[in-house]
Amino acid sequence: KIGDRWVGDGYPTYVIAEIGVNHNGILPLALELIDAAVAAGADAVKFQKRNLNKLYAKKYLDNANSGEKTLRYLLPILQRVELPDSAYYEIVEYCRKKGITFLCSAFDAESADFLDELGVPAFKVASADLTNLPLLDHLVKKGKPLIVSTGMSRMEEVEFTVNFLKSRGAEFALLHCNSTYPAAFEDINLRFMEKLRRFGVPVGYSGHERGIAVSTVASALGACIIERHITLDRTMDGPDHAASLEP
């Protein structure tokens, strides 16, 4: 259960509009994206919360060019789009006023603690953290459901994490995910959801492909959750806009 909605087989697909960092660090844009998600009929919006000082060494924060290629590209963007903690209080209150559920990915323990204080009803775990056992253990102790993406993972890694979570009594869903932005249609392999079903938990799909056809098929194949990035304009500057859906 996420908020007042049951999620699983036999219930309507739970649709998450992932705002992520598409607010570009601008609070009014974040609120506009919430409005767009509400108008589109999404069940929830999802943001991303990071404590960059906990995730990256000071030498990289001071000079991203001292890191490897991906870090040189990504870290300056994350520094530029980071919202202050005060903005999240406004976002949560705005979601409450608009009648849409606020969700957020926690990338570190401090961010998880902050989101827990905000009253987030479930935690999203990004694909890159599927095997981040200290973070998963910290999240499980909050006693809230987890939505876990499985992009870039081998099946044995998924199985290991499922056993880890089940041994701790966690409630969780697994999302099939292809972590290419945007994902090529021939690489999506929606039938992988069938393999995830053997774990006996709700299974969904987190997509980064163009258009809505694949997500529609995923729902028809029984996806309990669909997560898609949302943007007001795919041509905006930022890492995820081009792989996002416009309203």
Protein backbone atom coordinates (compact mmCIF):
# COMPACT_ATOMS: atom_id res chain seq x y z
CA LYS A 1 0.00 0.00 0.00
CA ILE A 2 1.32 3.45 -0.96
CA GLY A 3 -0.62 6.17 0.78
CA ASP A 4 -4.29 5.25 0.29
CA ARG A 5 -3.67 3.12 -2.83
CA TRP A 6 -3.19 -0.63 -2.94
CA VAL A 7 -0.54 -1.65 -5.46
CA GLY A 8 -0.36 -5.14 -6.90
CA ASP A 9 -2.10 -7.72 -9.06
CA GLY A 10 -5.80 -7.00 -9.43
CA TYR A 11 -5.45 -3.27 -8.80
CA PRO A 12 -5.14 -0.44 -11.36
CA THR A 13 -1.59 0.30 -12.54
CA TYR A 14 0.03 2.82 -10.20
CA VAL A 15 1.43 5.62 -12.38
CA ILE A 16 4.45 7.58 -11.13
CA ALA A 17 5.46 10.77 -12.93
CA GLU A 18 9.18 11.06 -12.25
CA ILE A 19 10.16 14.70 -12.02
CA GLY A 20 13.63 13.67 -10.84
CA VAL A 21 15.94 16.62 -11.54
CA ASN A 22 13.86 17.99 -14.44
CA HIS A 23 12.97 20.96 -12.22
CA ASN A 24 16.54 22.17 -12.99
CA GLY A 25 16.85 23.41 -9.40
CA ILE A 26 13.97 25.89 -9.86
CA LEU A 27 11.12 25.52 -7.35
CA PRO A 28 8.42 27.19 -9.52
CA LEU A 29 9.30 24.76 -12.32
CA ALA A 30 8.95 21.85 -9.88
CA LEU A 31 5.46 23.06 -8.97
CA GLU A 32 4.56 23.42 -12.65
CA LEU A 33 5.64 19.83 -13.22
CA ILE A 34 3.44 18.70 -10.32
CA ASP A 35 0.50 20.51 -11.95
CA ALA A 36 1.26 18.73 -15.24
CA ALA A 37 1.37 15.35 -13.51
CA VAL A 38 -1.94 16.02 -11.76
CA ALA A 39 -3.56 17.09 -15.05
CA ALA A 40 -2.25 13.92 -16.73
CA GLY A 41 -3.85 11.75 -14.04
CA ALA A 42 -0.69 10.37 -12.41
CA ASP A 43 -1.01 8.79 -8.97
CA ALA A 44 2.31 10.15 -7.70
CA VAL A 45 5.20 12.45 -8.52
CA LYS A 46 8.74 11.43 -7.68
CA PHE A 47 11.78 13.54 -6.94
CA GLN A 48 15.42 12.69 -6.14
CA LYS A 49 17.22 13.62 -2.92
CA ARG A 50 20.98 13.48 -2.50
CA ASN A 51 23.47 14.72 0.05
CA LEU A 52 26.34 15.39 -2.36
CA ASN A 53 28.81 15.82 0.50
CA LYS A 54 28.09 12.25 1.61
CA LEU A 55 28.13 10.73 -1.87
CA TYR A 56 31.24 12.34 -3.38
CA ALA A 57 34.74 13.07 -2.13
CA LYS A 58 35.55 16.73 -1.51
CA LYS A 59 38.19 16.78 -4.24
CA TYR A 60 35.49 15.93 -6.82
CA LEU A 61 33.01 18.43 -5.38
CA ASP A 62 35.70 21.11 -5.62
CA ASN A 63 36.78 20.07 -9.11
CA ALA A 64 34.66 17.54 -11.01
CA ASN A 65 37.31 17.43 -13.77
CA SER A 66 39.56 15.48 -11.42
CA GLY A 67 37.15 12.53 -11.69
CA GLU A 68 36.38 10.05 -14.46
CA LYS A 69 34.41 11.02 -17.56
CA THR A 70 30.88 10.29 -16.28
CA LEU A 71 31.54 12.20 -13.06
CA ARG A 72 32.88 15.20 -15.00
CA TYR A 73 29.56 15.35 -16.84
CA LEU A 74 27.10 14.48 -14.07
CA LEU A 75 28.42 16.11 -10.91
CA PRO A 76 28.25 19.76 -12.10
CA ILE A 77 24.65 19.12 -13.19
CA LEU A 78 23.73 17.66 -9.80
CA GLN A 79 25.35 20.60 -8.04
CA ARG A 80 23.42 23.02 -10.23
CA VAL A 81 19.98 21.40 -9.86
CA GLU A 82 20.08 20.58 -6.15
CA LEU A 83 17.03 21.99 -4.35
CA PRO A 84 17.44 23.33 -0.79
CA ASP A 85 15.75 21.33 1.97
CA SER A 86 13.28 24.18 2.49
CA ALA A 87 11.95 23.65 -1.05
CA TYR A 88 10.91 20.09 -0.23
CA TYR A 89 8.57 21.27 2.51
CA GLU A 90 6.84 23.47 -0.06
CA ILE A 91 6.74 20.62 -2.58
CA VAL A 92 5.19 18.18 -0.09
CA GLU A 93 2.58 20.74 0.95
CA TYR A 94 1.81 21.54 -2.70
CA CYS A 95 1.36 17.84 -3.50
CA ARG A 96 -1.00 17.51 -0.53
CA LYS A 97 -3.01 20.49 -1.73
CA LYS A 98 -3.19 19.10 -5.28
CA GLY A 99 -4.14 15.59 -4.17
CA ILE A 100 -1.14 13.74 -5.58
CA THR A 101 1.30 11.52 -3.66
CA PHE A 102 4.85 12.77 -3.08
CA LEU A 103 7.56 10.13 -3.57
CA CYS A 104 11.32 10.49 -3.69
CA SER A 105 14.46 8.45 -4.31
CA ALA A 106 16.88 8.53 -1.39
CA PHE A 107 20.51 8.17 -2.49
CA ASP A 108 22.04 8.19 1.00
CA ALA A 109 21.07 7.62 4.63
CA GLU A 110 20.84 11.32 5.53
CA SER A 111 18.46 11.96 2.62
CA ALA A 112 16.37 8.97 3.71
CA ASP A 113 16.11 10.41 7.22
CA PHE A 114 15.03 13.77 5.83
CA LEU A 115 12.39 12.20 3.55
CA ASP A 116 11.10 10.10 6.44
CA GLU A 117 10.60 13.28 8.46
CA LEU A 118 8.67 14.72 5.50
CA GLY A 119 6.28 11.75 5.73
CA VAL A 120 7.04 10.09 2.39
CA PRO A 121 4.80 6.97 2.21
CA ALA A 122 7.33 4.81 0.32
CA PHE A 123 10.95 5.00 -0.77
CA LYS A 124 12.22 4.59 -4.32
CA VAL A 125 15.56 2.81 -4.72
CA ALA A 126 17.41 3.71 -7.92
CA SER A 127 18.85 0.96 -10.11
CA ALA A 128 22.39 1.97 -9.17
CA ASP A 129 21.59 1.23 -5.50
CA LEU A 130 20.11 -2.24 -5.99
CA THR A 131 23.17 -3.76 -4.28
CA ASN A 132 23.80 -0.86 -1.88
CA LEU A 133 23.08 -3.03 1.16
CA PRO A 134 23.86 -0.40 3.85
CA LEU A 135 21.36 1.99 2.24
CA LEU A 136 18.75 -0.75 1.76
CA ASP A 137 19.13 -1.81 5.40
CA HIS A 138 18.70 1.81 6.52
CA LEU A 139 15.56 2.20 4.40
CA VAL A 140 14.00 -1.06 5.58
CA LYS A 141 14.28 0.12 9.19
CA LYS A 142 11.93 3.01 8.33
CA GLY A 143 9.12 0.45 8.01
CA LYS A 144 7.84 1.79 4.70
CA PRO A 145 7.44 0.03 1.33
CA LEU A 146 10.29 0.16 -1.19
CA ILE A 147 10.07 0.44 -4.97
CA VAL A 148 13.30 -1.05 -6.32
CA SER A 149 14.51 -0.58 -9.90
CA THR A 150 16.66 -3.31 -11.44
CA GLY A 151 18.37 -1.59 -14.40
CA MET A 152 21.97 -2.65 -15.18
CA SER A 153 21.73 -5.64 -12.81
CA ARG A 154 22.38 -9.33 -13.34
CA MET A 155 19.68 -11.75 -12.24
CA GLU A 156 21.86 -13.08 -9.42
CA GLU A 157 22.16 -9.53 -8.07
CA VAL A 158 18.39 -9.10 -8.14
CA GLU A 159 17.98 -12.45 -6.39
CA PHE A 160 20.54 -11.53 -3.74
CA THR A 161 18.78 -8.25 -2.98
CA VAL A 162 15.33 -9.89 -2.92
CA ASN A 163 16.58 -12.40 -0.34
CA PHE A 164 18.21 -9.59 1.64
CA LEU A 165 14.96 -7.61 1.75
CA LYS A 166 12.73 -10.60 2.47
CA SER A 167 14.97 -11.69 5.35
CA ARG A 168 14.29 -8.29 6.92
CA GLY A 169 10.54 -8.47 6.40
CA ALA A 170 10.49 -5.59 3.91
CA GLU A 171 7.50 -4.82 1.70
CA PHE A 172 8.75 -4.01 -1.78
CA ALA A 173 8.06 -3.98 -5.50
CA LEU A 174 10.54 -4.63 -8.31
CA LEU A 175 10.66 -2.51 -11.47
CA HIS A 176 12.07 -3.83 -14.72
CA CYS A 177 14.22 -1.04 -16.15
CA ASN A 178 16.53 -0.42 -19.09
CA SER A 179 18.89 2.31 -17.95
CA THR A 180 19.63 3.80 -21.37
CA TYR A 181 18.38 7.38 -21.84
CA PRO A 182 16.48 7.08 -24.14
CA ALA A 183 16.18 3.30 -24.39
CA ALA A 184 16.06 1.69 -27.83
CA PHE A 185 12.84 -0.25 -28.43
CA GLU A 186 14.68 -3.43 -29.41
CA ASP A 187 16.55 -3.46 -26.07
CA ILE A 188 13.61 -3.08 -23.67
CA ASN A 189 12.68 -6.77 -23.27
CA LEU A 190 9.39 -6.33 -21.39
CA ARG A 191 9.13 -10.08 -20.89
CA PHE A 192 11.80 -9.78 -18.22
CA MET A 193 8.90 -8.77 -15.96
CA GLU A 194 7.80 -12.41 -16.12
CA LYS A 195 11.15 -13.50 -14.66
CA LEU A 196 10.79 -10.99 -11.83
CA ARG A 197 7.34 -12.33 -10.94
CA ARG A 198 8.85 -15.52 -9.54
CA PHE A 199 9.86 -13.54 -6.46
CA GLY A 200 6.22 -13.14 -5.45
CA VAL A 201 6.22 -9.34 -5.12
CA PRO A 202 4.50 -6.64 -7.23
CA VAL A 203 6.35 -6.09 -10.51
CA GLY A 204 6.34 -2.93 -12.61
CA TYR A 205 8.22 -1.04 -15.30
CA SER A 206 10.41 2.05 -15.21
CA GLY A 207 10.85 3.30 -18.76
CA HIS A 208 13.07 5.80 -20.54
CA GLU A 209 12.01 5.10 -24.13
CA ARG A 210 10.27 7.53 -26.45
CA GLY A 211 6.48 7.66 -26.48
CA ILE A 212 3.90 5.75 -24.45
CA ALA A 213 3.39 2.56 -26.49
CA VAL A 214 5.83 0.41 -24.49
CA SER A 215 4.42 1.58 -21.17
CA THR A 216 0.90 0.80 -22.37
CA VAL A 217 1.99 -2.73 -23.32
CA ALA A 218 3.77 -3.12 -19.97
CA SER A 219 0.50 -2.30 -18.23
CA ALA A 220 -1.34 -4.80 -20.44
CA LEU A 221 1.27 -7.41 -19.46
CA GLY A 222 0.41 -6.82 -15.82
CA ALA A 223 2.81 -4.09 -14.65
CA CYS A 224 1.57 -2.99 -11.22
CA ILE A 225 3.60 0.23 -11.40
CA ILE A 226 4.63 2.39 -14.35
CA GLU A 227 7.26 5.07 -13.78
CA ARG A 228 8.07 7.60 -16.50
CA HIS A 229 10.04 10.84 -16.46
CA ILE A 230 8.01 13.99 -17.11
CA THR A 231 9.19 17.32 -18.52
CA LEU A 232 7.51 20.46 -19.81
CA ASP A 233 9.87 20.56 -22.80
CA ARG A 234 12.16 17.78 -24.07
CA THR A 235 14.58 20.34 -25.54
CA MET A 236 15.42 21.86 -22.13
CA ASP A 237 18.97 21.66 -20.82
CA GLY A 238 19.55 18.75 -18.44
CA PRO A 239 20.42 15.03 -18.40
CA ASP A 240 16.88 13.55 -18.46
CA HIS A 241 14.69 15.94 -20.48
CA ALA A 242 15.31 14.27 -23.85
CA ALA A 243 14.24 10.86 -22.48
CA SER A 244 11.15 12.26 -20.71
CA LEU A 245 7.51 12.53 -21.69
CA GLU A 246 5.87 15.89 -22.24
CA PRO A 247 2.42 16.19 -20.57
